[in-house]
C-alpha atoms as a PDB file:
ATOM      1  CA  MET A   1     -36.434 -40.801-179.403  1.00  0.00           C
ATOM      2  CA  ALA A   2     -37.129 -38.587-176.401  1.00  0.00           C
ATOM      3  CA  PHE A   3     -33.626 -37.164-176.759  1.00  0.00           C
ATOM      4  CA  LEU A   4     -34.382 -36.097-180.330  1.00  0.00           C
ATOM      5  CA  LEU A   5     -37.666 -34.522-179.314  1.00  0.00           C
ATOM      6  CA  SER A   6     -36.049 -32.602-176.479  1.00  0.00           C
ATOM      7  CA  LYS A   7     -33.289 -31.390-178.799  1.00  0.00           C
ATOM      8  CA  THR A   8     -35.762 -30.141-181.388  1.00  0.00           C
ATOM      9  CA  ALA A   9     -37.921 -28.537-178.708  1.00  0.00           C
ATOM     10  CA  LEU A  10     -34.888 -26.760-177.270  1.00  0.00           C
ATOM     11  CA  SER A  11     -33.788 -25.539-180.676  1.00  0.00           C
ATOM     12  CA  ALA A  12     -37.313 -24.333-181.471  1.00  0.00           C
ATOM     13  CA  LEU A  13     -37.464 -22.459-178.181  1.00  0.00           C
ATOM     14  CA  ARG A  14     -34.040 -20.983-178.806  1.00  0.00           C
ATOM     15  CA  LEU A  15     -35.086 -19.792-182.256  1.00  0.00           C
ATOM     16  CA  ASN A  16     -38.338 -18.294-180.981  1.00  0.00           C
ATOM     17  CA  SER A  17     -36.775 -16.482-178.024  1.00  0.00           C
ATOM     18  CA  LYS A  18     -36.725 -12.727-178.386  1.00  0.00           C
ATOM     19  CA  GLY A  19     -34.394 -10.229-176.795  1.00  0.00           C
ATOM     20  CA  ASN A  20     -31.041 -10.768-175.112  1.00  0.00           C
ATOM     21  CA  ASP A  21     -31.704 -13.146-172.235  1.00  0.00           C
ATOM     22  CA  SER A  22     -28.860 -14.073-169.960  1.00  0.00           C
ATOM     23  CA  LEU A  23     -29.509 -17.700-171.016  1.00  0.00           C
ATOM     24  CA  THR A  24     -28.887 -17.075-174.720  1.00  0.00           C
ATOM     25  CA  ILE A  25     -25.840 -14.925-174.036  1.00  0.00           C
ATOM     26  CA  SER A  26     -24.229 -17.520-171.770  1.00  0.00           C
ATOM     27  CA  ARG A  27     -24.763 -20.332-174.313  1.00  0.00           C
ATOM     28  CA  ARG A  28     -23.154 -18.436-177.179  1.00  0.00           C
ATOM     29  CA  GLY A  29     -19.694 -17.899-175.729  1.00  0.00           C
ATOM     30  CA  PHE A  30     -17.250 -15.207-176.736  1.00  0.00           C
ATOM     31  CA  HIS A  31     -14.701 -15.031-179.522  1.00  0.00           C
ATOM     32  CA  VAL A  32     -11.169 -14.325-178.364  1.00  0.00           C
ATOM     33  CA  GLU A  33      -8.367 -13.442-180.758  1.00  0.00           C
ATOM     34  CA  PRO A  34      -5.395 -15.836-180.563  1.00  0.00           C
ATOM     35  CA  GLY A  35      -2.267 -14.412-178.996  1.00  0.00           C
ATOM     36  CA  ALA A  36       1.203 -14.197-180.528  1.00  0.00           C
ATOM     37  CA  ARG A  37       2.176 -17.698-179.360  1.00  0.00           C
ATOM     38  CA  GLU A  38      -0.976 -19.282-180.778  1.00  0.00           C
ATOM     39  CA  LYS A  39      -0.474 -17.486-184.086  1.00  0.00           C
ATOM     40  CA  ALA A  40       3.131 -18.709-184.216  1.00  0.00           C
ATOM     41  CA  LEU A  41       1.987 -22.283-183.549  1.00  0.00           C
ATOM     42  CA  LEU A  42      -0.690 -22.057-186.258  1.00  0.00           C
ATOM     43  CA  ALA A  43       1.692 -20.580-188.830  1.00  0.00           C
ATOM     44  CA  GLU A  44       2.872 -22.829-191.668  1.00  0.00           C
ATOM     45  CA  ASP A  45       6.240 -24.470-191.021  1.00  0.00           C
ATOM     46  CA  SER A  46       8.363 -25.285-194.075  1.00  0.00           C
ATOM     47  CA  SER A  47      10.268 -28.069-192.278  1.00  0.00           C
ATOM     48  CA  LEU A  48       6.997 -29.994-191.804  1.00  0.00           C
ATOM     49  CA  LYS A  49       5.977 -29.818-195.492  1.00  0.00           C
ATOM     50  CA  ARG A  50       7.230 -33.344-196.264  1.00  0.00           C
ATOM     51  CA  PHE A  51       4.990 -34.839-193.562  1.00  0.00           C
ATOM     52  CA  LYS A  52       1.863 -33.120-194.842  1.00  0.00           C
ATOM     53  CA  SER A  53      -0.872 -35.370-196.167  1.00  0.00           C
ATOM     54  CA  PRO A  54      -1.489 -35.021-199.916  1.00  0.00           C
ATOM     55  CA  LYS A  55      -5.080 -33.828-199.647  1.00  0.00           C
ATOM     56  CA  LYS A  56      -5.915 -34.066-203.342  1.00  0.00           C
ATOM     57  CA  SER A  57      -4.978 -37.727-203.577  1.00  0.00           C
ATOM     58  CA  VAL A  58      -6.870 -38.518-200.372  1.00  0.00           C
ATOM     59  CA  ARG A  59      -9.953 -36.748-201.717  1.00  0.00           C
ATOM     60  CA  ARG A  60      -9.663 -38.606-205.022  1.00  0.00           C
ATOM     61  CA  LEU A  61      -9.331 -41.927-203.179  1.00  0.00           C
ATOM     62  CA  LYS A  62     -12.463 -41.147-201.155  1.00  0.00           C
ATOM     63  CA  ILE A  63     -14.395 -40.315-204.321  1.00  0.00           C
ATOM     64  CA  VAL A  64     -13.284 -43.576-205.946  1.00  0.00           C
ATOM     65  CA  GLY A  65     -14.301 -45.487-202.821  1.00  0.00           C
ATOM     66  CA  ASP A  66     -17.711 -43.820-202.771  1.00  0.00           C
ATOM     67  CA  ALA A  67     -18.225 -44.590-206.461  1.00  0.00           C
ATOM     68  CA  LEU A  68     -17.287 -48.242-205.931  1.00  0.00           C
ATOM     69  CA  THR A  69     -19.691 -48.454-203.015  1.00  0.00           C
ATOM     70  CA  VAL A  70     -22.514 -47.107-205.178  1.00  0.00           C
ATOM     71  CA  VAL A  71     -21.668 -49.590-207.951  1.00  0.00           C
ATOM     72  CA  VAL A  72     -21.636 -52.544-205.543  1.00  0.00           C
ATOM     73  CA  VAL A  73     -24.952 -51.537-203.957  1.00  0.00           C
ATOM     74  CA  ALA A  74     -26.520 -51.073-207.393  1.00  0.00           C
ATOM     75  CA  GLY A  75     -25.244 -54.509-208.442  1.00  0.00           C
ATOM     76  CA  CYS A  76     -26.716 -56.119-205.337  1.00  0.00           C
ATOM     77  CA  CYS A  77     -30.065 -54.437-205.938  1.00  0.00           C
ATOM     78  CA  TYR A  78     -30.019 -55.613-209.547  1.00  0.00           C
ATOM     79  CA  GLU A  79     -29.275 -59.195-208.485  1.00  0.00           C
ATOM     80  CA  ILE A  80     -32.152 -59.135-206.002  1.00  0.00           C
ATOM     81  CA  TYR A  81     -34.458 -57.759-208.705  1.00  0.00           C
ATOM     82  CA  VAL A  82     -33.402 -60.431-211.216  1.00  0.00           C
ATOM     83  CA  LYS A  83     -33.953 -63.211-208.667  1.00  0.00           C
ATOM     84  CA  ALA A  84     -37.409 -61.859-207.827  1.00  0.00           C
ATOM     85  CA  VAL A  85     -38.375 -61.650-211.519  1.00  0.00           C
ATOM     86  CA  MET A  86     -37.061 -65.147-212.225  1.00  0.00           C
ATOM     87  CA  ARG A  87     -38.945 -66.548-209.217  1.00  0.00           C
ATOM     88  CA  GLU A  88     -42.154 -64.855-210.394  1.00  0.00           C
ATOM     89  CA  GLU A  89     -41.725 -66.247-213.924  1.00  0.00           C
ATOM     90  CA  ALA A  90     -41.072 -69.734-212.547  1.00  0.00           C
ATOM     91  CA  ARG A  91     -44.189 -69.462-210.392  1.00  0.00           C
ATOM     92  CA  LYS A  92     -46.296 -68.407-213.410  1.00  0.00           C
ATOM     93  CA  GLN A  93     -44.970 -71.304-215.496  1.00  0.00           C
ATOM     94  CA  ALA A  94     -45.670 -73.745-212.671  1.00  0.00           C
ATOM     95  CA  ASN A  95     -49.274 -72.484-212.421  1.00  0.00           C
ATOM     96  CA  GLU A  96     -49.781 -72.754-216.189  1.00  0.00           C
ATOM     97  CA  SER A  97     -48.492 -76.315-216.434  1.00  0.00           C
ATOM     98  CA  ALA A  98     -50.426 -77.507-213.377  1.00  0.00           C
END
């Protein structure tokens, strides 16, 4: 809890700070353009195409999994609701007959 408070306090102070302090400059870091070797390593290689993950099918599988999770949670909530209603009805009938 204290960690969260200190994080929010730091971010609030960082947002409210004005001017170019040496503290804010040192925390930001600098952007450096990649060199020729890095660009060559990041370039797309046609020989590795067959090992590439099919992103669309993975995304679709995640969506199906999320939908199934929602359906299962909704079913569990419905079962809990039905049990609570049935228990309440049984309690009312027991009070009426007693």
